[in-house]
Amino acid sequence: MIRALYETAAAALWVLGPDSSDERITHSLRLRFGELTHSRKLTIKYAELADDDTGLQAQEDFVAGQLEDLTQMASQAGLDARTVRKAITPGNLVIEAGQYVDELSPALTYWYWSTASSIAHAEPSTINLLADMQFIGVDVRDQPIAHVEPSAVAIWNHLDVAHKMISQAHELWNRRAAPPSNAPA
């Protein structure tokens, strides 16, 4: 769940963070491109696994139309369509978003996202790193046995980073949505 918080907050930061509106629009369109390409892959894989390609062509046509619209929007905004049609990975999204949070950094946001991702994928080495262990004895092979449970401190630290990211995204939203300072009162 924490990984989902990081990725969602990172998407908001990445779109809202740049000072240039052209860059914000480009980032937004790049996210949409990624969603569309993922949608296409999901539909193809589902059809393959279900051995049922009913609706596959309709989905392909829909995605193709959405991609054409995306290219047209980029063109109308004077943006490079090749840049817009370049997906960003979740890891790179989190890295780039980290630059917009003063209390964090690209390295820290990546580290926290990566460890949360490892836990989401049940990678034992990371789970052990983020757990409190207490030695309780040895087994019949004379191997150590430990009681392992989630570390409240590690969970708190992860939630704190997510909170910082969400708070900064909220601040950026308010700043971007505010009327220009030279607007009449």
N, C-alpha and C. Protein backbone atom coordinates (compact mmCIF):
# COMPACT_ATOMS: atom_id res chain seq x y z
N MET A 1 0.83 -1.19 0.00
CA MET A 1 0.00 0.00 0.00
C MET A 1 0.87 1.26 0.00
N ILE A 2 1.99 1.19 0.69
CA ILE A 2 2.87 2.36 0.75
C ILE A 2 3.47 2.63 -0.62
N ARG A 3 3.80 1.58 -1.35
CA ARG A 3 4.34 1.77 -2.71
C ARG A 3 3.33 2.52 -3.57
N ALA A 4 2.06 2.18 -3.45
CA ALA A 4 1.03 2.88 -4.22
C ALA A 4 0.97 4.35 -3.84
N LEU A 5 1.14 4.64 -2.55
CA LEU A 5 1.18 6.05 -2.12
C LEU A 5 2.34 6.77 -2.78
N TYR A 6 3.52 6.14 -2.78
CA TYR A 6 4.70 6.78 -3.39
C TYR A 6 4.47 7.04 -4.88
N GLU A 7 3.96 6.04 -5.58
CA GLU A 7 3.81 6.18 -7.02
C GLU A 7 2.76 7.23 -7.38
N THR A 8 1.68 7.28 -6.63
CA THR A 8 0.64 8.26 -6.90
C THR A 8 1.13 9.67 -6.57
N ALA A 9 1.77 9.81 -5.42
CA ALA A 9 2.31 11.13 -5.04
C ALA A 9 3.40 11.55 -6.02
N ALA A 10 4.23 10.60 -6.45
CA ALA A 10 5.30 10.92 -7.41
C ALA A 10 4.71 11.40 -8.73
N ALA A 11 3.63 10.78 -9.18
CA ALA A 11 2.99 11.22 -10.43
C ALA A 11 2.51 12.66 -10.29
N ALA A 12 1.88 12.97 -9.16
CA ALA A 12 1.40 14.34 -8.94
C ALA A 12 2.57 15.32 -8.88
N LEU A 13 3.63 14.95 -8.17
CA LEU A 13 4.81 15.83 -8.08
C LEU A 13 5.45 16.04 -9.43
N TRP A 14 5.55 14.97 -10.20
CA TRP A 14 6.22 15.04 -11.49
C TRP A 14 5.45 15.94 -12.47
N VAL A 15 4.12 15.88 -12.38
CA VAL A 15 3.31 16.72 -13.26
C VAL A 15 3.27 18.16 -12.77
N LEU A 16 3.14 18.35 -11.47
CA LEU A 16 2.97 19.70 -10.92
C LEU A 16 4.28 20.42 -10.62
N GLY A 17 5.37 19.69 -10.49
CA GLY A 17 6.62 20.28 -10.03
C GLY A 17 7.32 21.26 -10.94
N PRO A 18 7.43 20.98 -12.24
CA PRO A 18 8.20 21.89 -13.09
C PRO A 18 7.62 23.30 -13.13
N ASP A 19 8.50 24.29 -13.20
CA ASP A 19 8.04 25.68 -13.30
C ASP A 19 7.43 25.97 -14.67
N SER A 20 7.90 25.30 -15.69
CA SER A 20 7.41 25.54 -17.05
C SER A 20 6.09 24.81 -17.29
N SER A 21 5.09 25.54 -17.75
CA SER A 21 3.80 24.90 -18.05
C SER A 21 3.95 23.91 -19.21
N ASP A 22 4.83 24.19 -20.17
CA ASP A 22 5.05 23.24 -21.26
C ASP A 22 5.59 21.92 -20.72
N GLU A 23 6.49 22.00 -19.74
CA GLU A 23 7.04 20.77 -19.16
C GLU A 23 5.97 20.03 -18.37
N ARG A 24 5.12 20.76 -17.65
CA ARG A 24 4.04 20.11 -16.91
C ARG A 24 3.07 19.41 -17.87
N ILE A 25 2.75 20.06 -18.98
CA ILE A 25 1.86 19.44 -19.97
C ILE A 25 2.52 18.22 -20.58
N THR A 26 3.81 18.33 -20.90
CA THR A 26 4.54 17.18 -21.46
C THR A 26 4.52 16.02 -20.49
N HIS A 27 4.78 16.28 -19.22
CA HIS A 27 4.76 15.21 -18.21
C HIS A 27 3.38 14.58 -18.12
N SER A 28 2.35 15.40 -18.14
CA SER A 28 0.99 14.88 -18.06
C SER A 28 0.67 13.99 -19.26
N LEU A 29 1.05 14.43 -20.43
CA LEU A 29 0.79 13.64 -21.63
C LEU A 29 1.63 12.36 -21.64
N ARG A 30 2.85 12.43 -21.11
CA ARG A 30 3.68 11.22 -21.02
C ARG A 30 3.05 10.20 -20.08
N LEU A 31 2.47 10.66 -18.98
CA LEU A 31 1.78 9.73 -18.09
C LEU A 31 0.61 9.07 -18.81
N ARG A 32 -0.14 9.87 -19.56
CA ARG A 32 -1.27 9.32 -20.31
C ARG A 32 -0.79 8.31 -21.35
N PHE A 33 0.32 8.60 -22.01
CA PHE A 33 0.88 7.66 -22.97
C PHE A 33 1.21 6.33 -22.28
N GLY A 34 1.82 6.41 -21.11
CA GLY A 34 2.13 5.20 -20.37
C GLY A 34 0.89 4.40 -20.01
N GLU A 35 -0.16 5.11 -19.59
CA GLU A 35 -1.43 4.44 -19.25
C GLU A 35 -2.00 3.72 -20.47
N LEU A 36 -1.95 4.39 -21.61
CA LEU A 36 -2.50 3.79 -22.83
C LEU A 36 -1.71 2.57 -23.27
N THR A 37 -0.39 2.66 -23.23
CA THR A 37 0.42 1.51 -23.65
C THR A 37 0.24 0.35 -22.68
N HIS A 38 0.09 0.66 -21.40
CA HIS A 38 -0.17 -0.40 -20.41
C HIS A 38 -1.53 -1.03 -20.68
N SER A 39 -2.52 -0.21 -20.98
CA SER A 39 -3.86 -0.71 -21.29
C SER A 39 -3.81 -1.67 -22.47
N ARG A 40 -3.04 -1.32 -23.46
CA ARG A 40 -2.92 -2.18 -24.65
C ARG A 40 -2.30 -3.52 -24.25
N LYS A 41 -1.22 -3.49 -23.48
CA LYS A 41 -0.55 -4.74 -23.07
C LYS A 41 -1.48 -5.60 -22.21
N LEU A 42 -2.22 -4.96 -21.31
CA LEU A 42 -3.14 -5.68 -20.44
C LEU A 42 -4.20 -6.41 -21.27
N THR A 43 -4.77 -5.72 -22.23
CA THR A 43 -5.82 -6.31 -23.06
C THR A 43 -5.28 -7.48 -23.87
N ILE A 44 -4.10 -7.32 -24.44
CA ILE A 44 -3.49 -8.40 -25.23
C ILE A 44 -3.21 -9.61 -24.35
N LYS A 45 -2.65 -9.38 -23.16
CA LYS A 45 -2.34 -10.49 -22.26
C LYS A 45 -3.61 -11.17 -21.78
N TYR A 46 -4.64 -10.40 -21.46
CA TYR A 46 -5.91 -10.98 -21.02
C TYR A 46 -6.48 -11.88 -22.13
N ALA A 47 -6.49 -11.36 -23.35
CA ALA A 47 -7.03 -12.14 -24.46
C ALA A 47 -6.24 -13.44 -24.64
N GLU A 48 -4.94 -13.35 -24.48
CA GLU A 48 -4.09 -14.54 -24.61
C GLU A 48 -4.40 -15.55 -23.50
N LEU A 49 -4.47 -15.09 -22.26
CA LEU A 49 -4.70 -15.99 -21.14
C LEU A 49 -6.12 -16.57 -21.12
N ALA A 50 -7.09 -15.77 -21.52
CA ALA A 50 -8.48 -16.22 -21.53
C ALA A 50 -8.82 -16.98 -22.81
N ASP A 51 -7.88 -16.97 -23.74
CA ASP A 51 -8.13 -17.57 -25.05
C ASP A 51 -9.42 -17.04 -25.65
N ASP A 52 -9.55 -15.72 -25.55
CA ASP A 52 -10.77 -15.05 -26.01
C ASP A 52 -10.37 -13.66 -26.48
N ASP A 53 -10.39 -13.46 -27.78
CA ASP A 53 -10.00 -12.14 -28.28
C ASP A 53 -11.21 -11.26 -28.59
N THR A 54 -12.37 -11.62 -28.01
CA THR A 54 -13.56 -10.79 -28.16
C THR A 54 -13.26 -9.43 -27.56
N GLY A 55 -13.49 -8.41 -28.31
CA GLY A 55 -13.27 -7.05 -27.81
C GLY A 55 -11.85 -6.56 -27.98
N LEU A 56 -10.93 -7.44 -28.37
CA LEU A 56 -9.54 -7.04 -28.52
C LEU A 56 -9.38 -5.96 -29.59
N GLN A 57 -10.05 -6.14 -30.72
CA GLN A 57 -9.93 -5.16 -31.80
C GLN A 57 -10.56 -3.84 -31.38
N ALA A 58 -11.65 -3.89 -30.68
CA ALA A 58 -12.29 -2.64 -30.21
C ALA A 58 -11.37 -1.89 -29.27
N GLN A 59 -10.69 -2.61 -28.38
CA GLN A 59 -9.74 -1.97 -27.47
C GLN A 59 -8.55 -1.41 -28.23
N GLU A 60 -8.06 -2.16 -29.21
CA GLU A 60 -6.95 -1.68 -30.04
C GLU A 60 -7.34 -0.39 -30.77
N ASP A 61 -8.55 -0.37 -31.30
CA ASP A 61 -9.02 0.82 -32.01
C ASP A 61 -9.15 2.00 -31.05
N PHE A 62 -9.66 1.74 -29.84
CA PHE A 62 -9.80 2.80 -28.84
C PHE A 62 -8.43 3.37 -28.48
N VAL A 63 -7.48 2.50 -28.17
CA VAL A 63 -6.14 2.96 -27.78
C VAL A 63 -5.48 3.71 -28.94
N ALA A 64 -5.62 3.21 -30.14
CA ALA A 64 -5.04 3.90 -31.30
C ALA A 64 -5.63 5.30 -31.44
N GLY A 65 -6.94 5.43 -31.24
CA GLY A 65 -7.59 6.74 -31.30
C GLY A 65 -7.10 7.66 -30.20
N GLN A 66 -6.95 7.12 -29.00
CA GLN A 66 -6.45 7.92 -27.87
C GLN A 66 -5.02 8.36 -28.11
N LEU A 67 -4.19 7.49 -28.68
CA LEU A 67 -2.81 7.86 -28.99
C LEU A 67 -2.76 8.94 -30.07
N GLU A 68 -3.66 8.85 -31.04
CA GLU A 68 -3.72 9.89 -32.08
C GLU A 68 -4.14 11.22 -31.45
N ASP A 69 -5.13 11.18 -30.56
CA ASP A 69 -5.55 12.40 -29.86
C ASP A 69 -4.40 13.00 -29.05
N LEU A 70 -3.65 12.13 -28.39
CA LEU A 70 -2.52 12.58 -27.58
C LEU A 70 -1.48 13.28 -28.46
N THR A 71 -1.19 12.68 -29.60
CA THR A 71 -0.23 13.28 -30.54
C THR A 71 -0.74 14.63 -31.04
N GLN A 72 -2.02 14.69 -31.32
CA GLN A 72 -2.63 15.93 -31.80
C GLN A 72 -2.58 17.02 -30.72
N MET A 73 -2.86 16.64 -29.46
CA MET A 73 -2.78 17.62 -28.37
C MET A 73 -1.36 18.15 -28.23
N ALA A 74 -0.38 17.27 -28.33
CA ALA A 74 1.01 17.70 -28.23
C ALA A 74 1.35 18.68 -29.34
N SER A 75 0.91 18.35 -30.54
CA SER A 75 1.17 19.21 -31.68
C SER A 75 0.52 20.58 -31.51
N GLN A 76 -0.74 20.59 -31.07
CA GLN A 76 -1.46 21.85 -30.86
C GLN A 76 -0.82 22.69 -29.76
N ALA A 77 -0.17 22.03 -28.81
CA ALA A 77 0.50 22.75 -27.72
C ALA A 77 1.93 23.14 -28.10
N GLY A 78 2.35 22.77 -29.32
CA GLY A 78 3.70 23.09 -29.76
C GLY A 78 4.76 22.23 -29.09
N LEU A 79 4.37 21.02 -28.68
CA LEU A 79 5.30 20.12 -28.00
C LEU A 79 5.77 19.03 -28.96
N ASP A 80 6.93 18.48 -28.68
CA ASP A 80 7.49 17.42 -29.50
C ASP A 80 6.74 16.12 -29.22
N ALA A 81 6.05 15.61 -30.22
CA ALA A 81 5.24 14.40 -30.05
C ALA A 81 6.10 13.20 -29.67
N ARG A 82 7.35 13.16 -30.14
CA ARG A 82 8.23 12.03 -29.79
C ARG A 82 8.51 12.02 -28.29
N THR A 83 8.65 13.19 -27.69
CA THR A 83 8.89 13.27 -26.25
C THR A 83 7.65 12.85 -25.48
N VAL A 84 6.49 13.28 -25.96
CA VAL A 84 5.23 12.95 -25.30
C VAL A 84 4.96 11.45 -25.38
N ARG A 85 5.37 10.82 -26.46
CA ARG A 85 5.12 9.38 -26.65
C ARG A 85 6.27 8.55 -26.09
N LYS A 86 6.76 8.97 -24.93
CA LYS A 86 7.85 8.26 -24.26
C LYS A 86 7.39 7.99 -22.83
N ALA A 87 7.12 6.73 -22.53
CA ALA A 87 6.63 6.37 -21.19
C ALA A 87 7.74 6.56 -20.16
N ILE A 88 7.36 6.68 -18.91
CA ILE A 88 8.31 6.77 -17.81
C ILE A 88 8.05 5.61 -16.87
N THR A 89 9.10 4.97 -16.41
CA THR A 89 8.95 3.84 -15.50
C THR A 89 8.61 4.35 -14.10
N PRO A 90 7.97 3.53 -13.28
CA PRO A 90 7.68 3.97 -11.91
C PRO A 90 8.93 4.38 -11.14
N GLY A 91 10.03 3.65 -11.31
CA GLY A 91 11.27 4.00 -10.62
C GLY A 91 11.79 5.36 -11.02
N ASN A 92 11.80 5.64 -12.31
CA ASN A 92 12.27 6.95 -12.78
C ASN A 92 11.31 8.06 -12.39
N LEU A 93 10.04 7.75 -12.36
CA LEU A 93 9.04 8.73 -11.93
C LEU A 93 9.32 9.15 -10.49
N VAL A 94 9.58 8.19 -9.62
CA VAL A 94 9.86 8.47 -8.22
C VAL A 94 11.17 9.24 -8.08
N ILE A 95 12.17 8.87 -8.85
CA ILE A 95 13.46 9.58 -8.80
C ILE A 95 13.26 11.04 -9.19
N GLU A 96 12.61 11.27 -10.33
CA GLU A 96 12.43 12.64 -10.80
C GLU A 96 11.53 13.45 -9.88
N ALA A 97 10.54 12.81 -9.28
CA ALA A 97 9.64 13.51 -8.36
C ALA A 97 10.37 13.94 -7.09
N GLY A 98 11.39 13.19 -6.70
CA GLY A 98 12.12 13.50 -5.47
C GLY A 98 12.75 14.87 -5.45
N GLN A 99 13.03 15.42 -6.63
CA GLN A 99 13.65 16.74 -6.69
C GLN A 99 12.70 17.87 -6.27
N TYR A 100 11.41 17.59 -6.19
CA TYR A 100 10.44 18.62 -5.86
C TYR A 100 10.06 18.65 -4.38
N VAL A 101 10.68 17.80 -3.57
CA VAL A 101 10.39 17.76 -2.13
C VAL A 101 11.66 18.17 -1.39
N ASP A 102 11.61 19.36 -0.79
CA ASP A 102 12.81 19.92 -0.14
C ASP A 102 13.41 18.99 0.90
N GLU A 103 12.59 18.31 1.67
CA GLU A 103 13.10 17.47 2.75
C GLU A 103 13.60 16.11 2.25
N LEU A 104 13.43 15.84 0.98
CA LEU A 104 13.85 14.56 0.42
C LEU A 104 14.85 14.82 -0.70
N SER A 105 15.08 13.83 -1.51
CA SER A 105 15.96 13.93 -2.66
C SER A 105 15.58 12.81 -3.62
N PRO A 106 16.05 12.87 -4.85
CA PRO A 106 15.80 11.75 -5.75
C PRO A 106 16.30 10.41 -5.17
N ALA A 107 17.46 10.44 -4.53
CA ALA A 107 18.02 9.20 -3.96
C ALA A 107 17.13 8.65 -2.85
N LEU A 108 16.67 9.52 -1.95
CA LEU A 108 15.83 9.06 -0.84
C LEU A 108 14.48 8.56 -1.31
N THR A 109 13.85 9.30 -2.21
CA THR A 109 12.54 8.85 -2.68
C THR A 109 12.68 7.51 -3.40
N TYR A 110 13.76 7.35 -4.16
CA TYR A 110 13.98 6.07 -4.84
C TYR A 110 14.21 4.95 -3.83
N TRP A 111 15.02 5.21 -2.81
CA TRP A 111 15.30 4.17 -1.82
C TRP A 111 14.02 3.72 -1.13
N TYR A 112 13.22 4.67 -0.68
CA TYR A 112 11.99 4.31 0.02
C TYR A 112 11.02 3.59 -0.92
N TRP A 113 10.88 4.08 -2.14
CA TRP A 113 10.00 3.41 -3.10
C TRP A 113 10.51 2.00 -3.38
N SER A 114 11.81 1.87 -3.58
CA SER A 114 12.40 0.57 -3.91
C SER A 114 12.20 -0.44 -2.79
N THR A 115 12.39 -0.01 -1.54
CA THR A 115 12.19 -0.95 -0.45
C THR A 115 10.70 -1.31 -0.32
N ALA A 116 9.82 -0.34 -0.50
CA ALA A 116 8.38 -0.63 -0.47
C ALA A 116 8.01 -1.57 -1.61
N SER A 117 8.63 -1.38 -2.76
CA SER A 117 8.37 -2.25 -3.90
C SER A 117 8.86 -3.67 -3.62
N SER A 118 10.02 -3.77 -3.00
CA SER A 118 10.54 -5.10 -2.65
C SER A 118 9.61 -5.82 -1.69
N ILE A 119 9.06 -5.09 -0.74
CA ILE A 119 8.12 -5.70 0.20
C ILE A 119 6.86 -6.13 -0.55
N ALA A 120 6.39 -5.28 -1.47
CA ALA A 120 5.20 -5.63 -2.25
C ALA A 120 5.42 -6.90 -3.06
N HIS A 121 6.67 -7.15 -3.45
CA HIS A 121 7.01 -8.35 -4.22
C HIS A 121 7.49 -9.48 -3.32
N ALA A 122 7.36 -9.31 -2.01
CA ALA A 122 7.71 -10.33 -1.02
C ALA A 122 9.16 -10.81 -1.14
N GLU A 123 10.07 -9.86 -1.34
CA GLU A 123 11.49 -10.21 -1.41
C GLU A 123 12.02 -10.33 0.02
N PRO A 124 12.39 -11.54 0.43
CA PRO A 124 12.76 -11.79 1.82
C PRO A 124 13.89 -10.92 2.37
N SER A 125 14.88 -10.62 1.57
CA SER A 125 16.01 -9.84 2.10
C SER A 125 15.57 -8.46 2.56
N THR A 126 14.69 -7.82 1.82
CA THR A 126 14.21 -6.50 2.21
C THR A 126 13.26 -6.60 3.39
N ILE A 127 12.44 -7.61 3.39
CA ILE A 127 11.52 -7.78 4.51
C ILE A 127 12.33 -7.90 5.81
N ASN A 128 13.42 -8.65 5.76
CA ASN A 128 14.26 -8.80 6.95
C ASN A 128 14.91 -7.48 7.34
N LEU A 129 15.30 -6.66 6.36
CA LEU A 129 15.92 -5.38 6.67
C LEU A 129 14.94 -4.43 7.36
N LEU A 130 13.67 -4.56 7.05
CA LEU A 130 12.66 -3.65 7.59
C LEU A 130 11.83 -4.30 8.70
N ALA A 131 12.46 -5.26 9.37
CA ALA A 131 11.74 -5.95 10.44
C ALA A 131 12.55 -5.90 11.73
N ASP A 132 11.84 -6.05 12.80
CA ASP A 132 12.49 -6.22 14.10
C ASP A 132 12.61 -7.72 14.34
N MET A 133 13.83 -8.15 14.67
CA MET A 133 14.06 -9.57 14.90
C MET A 133 14.55 -9.78 16.32
N GLN A 134 14.07 -10.84 16.91
CA GLN A 134 14.51 -11.20 18.26
C GLN A 134 14.95 -12.65 18.23
N PHE A 135 16.19 -12.90 18.62
CA PHE A 135 16.73 -14.25 18.69
C PHE A 135 15.96 -15.02 19.74
N ILE A 136 15.46 -16.22 19.37
CA ILE A 136 14.69 -17.00 20.34
C ILE A 136 15.29 -18.38 20.61
N GLY A 137 16.35 -18.74 19.90
CA GLY A 137 16.98 -20.03 20.16
C GLY A 137 17.56 -20.63 18.91
N VAL A 138 17.81 -21.94 18.98
CA VAL A 138 18.35 -22.66 17.83
C VAL A 138 17.46 -23.85 17.51
N ASP A 139 17.49 -24.27 16.26
CA ASP A 139 16.69 -25.42 15.86
C ASP A 139 17.49 -26.71 16.05
N VAL A 140 16.92 -27.83 15.60
CA VAL A 140 17.58 -29.14 15.77
C VAL A 140 18.88 -29.24 14.99
N ARG A 141 19.06 -28.35 14.00
CA ARG A 141 20.31 -28.35 13.22
C ARG A 141 21.32 -27.37 13.80
N ASP A 142 20.99 -26.82 14.95
CA ASP A 142 21.82 -25.82 15.63
C ASP A 142 21.89 -24.51 14.84
N GLN A 143 20.80 -24.20 14.13
CA GLN A 143 20.70 -22.96 13.37
C GLN A 143 19.86 -21.96 14.16
N PRO A 144 20.22 -20.67 14.10
CA PRO A 144 19.47 -19.68 14.88
C PRO A 144 18.03 -19.52 14.38
N ILE A 145 17.16 -19.27 15.33
CA ILE A 145 15.76 -19.00 15.02
C ILE A 145 15.44 -17.63 15.61
N ALA A 146 14.72 -16.84 14.82
CA ALA A 146 14.36 -15.50 15.28
C ALA A 146 12.87 -15.29 15.10
N HIS A 147 12.32 -14.49 15.98
CA HIS A 147 10.95 -14.02 15.84
C HIS A 147 11.03 -12.72 15.04
N VAL A 148 10.31 -12.66 13.93
CA VAL A 148 10.38 -11.50 13.04
C VAL A 148 8.99 -10.86 12.96
N GLU A 149 8.97 -9.56 13.12
CA GLU A 149 7.72 -8.83 12.92
C GLU A 149 8.04 -7.47 12.32
N PRO A 150 7.05 -6.87 11.67
CA PRO A 150 7.29 -5.58 11.02
C PRO A 150 7.81 -4.54 12.02
N SER A 151 8.73 -3.75 11.56
CA SER A 151 9.30 -2.70 12.39
C SER A 151 8.38 -1.47 12.36
N ALA A 152 7.90 -1.09 13.52
CA ALA A 152 7.04 0.10 13.60
C ALA A 152 7.81 1.34 13.15
N VAL A 153 9.10 1.38 13.46
CA VAL A 153 9.93 2.54 13.06
C VAL A 153 10.06 2.58 11.54
N ALA A 154 10.32 1.44 10.92
CA ALA A 154 10.46 1.40 9.45
C ALA A 154 9.14 1.78 8.78
N ILE A 155 8.04 1.28 9.31
CA ILE A 155 6.73 1.63 8.74
C ILE A 155 6.49 3.13 8.90
N TRP A 156 6.78 3.67 10.08
CA TRP A 156 6.61 5.10 10.31
C TRP A 156 7.46 5.91 9.34
N ASN A 157 8.72 5.53 9.16
CA ASN A 157 9.60 6.27 8.25
C ASN A 157 9.05 6.25 6.82
N HIS A 158 8.56 5.11 6.39
CA HIS A 158 7.99 5.01 5.05
C HIS A 158 6.74 5.89 4.92
N LEU A 159 5.89 5.85 5.93
CA LEU A 159 4.68 6.69 5.88
C LEU A 159 5.03 8.17 5.96
N ASP A 160 6.06 8.51 6.69
CA ASP A 160 6.50 9.90 6.79
C ASP A 160 6.96 10.42 5.43
N VAL A 161 7.71 9.62 4.70
CA VAL A 161 8.16 10.02 3.36
C VAL A 161 6.95 10.19 2.44
N ALA A 162 6.01 9.25 2.50
CA ALA A 162 4.79 9.37 1.69
C ALA A 162 4.04 10.64 2.04
N HIS A 163 3.94 10.94 3.32
CA HIS A 163 3.26 12.16 3.77
C HIS A 163 3.96 13.41 3.24
N LYS A 164 5.27 13.43 3.28
CA LYS A 164 6.02 14.59 2.75
C LYS A 164 5.76 14.76 1.26
N MET A 165 5.73 13.66 0.54
CA MET A 165 5.48 13.74 -0.90
C MET A 165 4.07 14.24 -1.18
N ILE A 166 3.10 13.69 -0.46
CA ILE A 166 1.70 14.09 -0.66
C ILE A 166 1.51 15.56 -0.28
N SER A 167 2.11 15.98 0.81
CA SER A 167 1.99 17.38 1.25
C SER A 167 2.57 18.33 0.22
N GLN A 168 3.73 17.98 -0.34
CA GLN A 168 4.35 18.84 -1.35
C GLN A 168 3.50 18.86 -2.62
N ALA A 169 2.94 17.72 -3.00
CA ALA A 169 2.06 17.67 -4.18
C ALA A 169 0.84 18.57 -3.94
N HIS A 170 0.29 18.53 -2.74
CA HIS A 170 -0.86 19.37 -2.42
C HIS A 170 -0.48 20.85 -2.50
N GLU A 171 0.68 21.19 -1.96
CA GLU A 171 1.14 22.59 -2.04
C GLU A 171 1.32 23.03 -3.49
N LEU A 172 1.92 22.16 -4.29
CA LEU A 172 2.11 22.50 -5.71
C LEU A 172 0.76 22.65 -6.42
N TRP A 173 -0.19 21.80 -6.09
CA TRP A 173 -1.53 21.91 -6.69
C TRP A 173 -2.13 23.27 -6.37
N ASN A 174 -2.06 23.66 -5.11
CA ASN A 174 -2.62 24.96 -4.70
C ASN A 174 -1.90 26.10 -5.41
N ARG A 175 -0.60 26.00 -5.56
CA ARG A 175 0.17 27.06 -6.23
C ARG A 175 -0.18 27.12 -7.72
N ARG A 176 -0.28 25.97 -8.37
CA ARG A 176 -0.57 25.94 -9.81
C ARG A 176 -2.01 26.36 -10.09
N ALA A 177 -2.92 26.08 -9.17
CA ALA A 177 -4.34 26.39 -9.38
C ALA A 177 -4.68 27.82 -8.99
N ALA A 178 -3.78 28.51 -8.30
CA ALA A 178 -4.04 29.88 -7.86
C ALA A 178 -4.04 30.82 -9.05
N PRO A 179 -4.83 31.88 -8.98
CA PRO A 179 -4.81 32.87 -10.06
C PRO A 179 -3.44 33.55 -10.10
N PRO A 180 -3.03 34.02 -11.25
CA PRO A 180 -1.74 34.72 -11.34
C PRO A 180 -1.70 35.90 -10.39
N SER A 181 -0.53 36.19 -9.88
CA SER A 181 -0.40 37.26 -8.89
C SER A 181 -0.70 38.64 -9.50
N ASN A 182 -0.64 38.76 -10.82
CA ASN A 182 -0.94 40.04 -11.46
C ASN A 182 -2.40 40.14 -11.91
N ALA A 183 -3.22 39.14 -11.51
CA ALA A 183 -4.64 39.16 -11.88
C ALA A 183 -5.37 40.22 -11.06
N PRO A 184 -6.38 40.87 -11.66
CA PRO A 184 -7.14 41.88 -10.91
C PRO A 184 -7.87 41.22 -9.73
N ALA A 185 -7.98 41.96 -8.64
CA ALA A 185 -8.62 41.42 -7.42
C ALA A 185 -10.12 41.43 -7.52
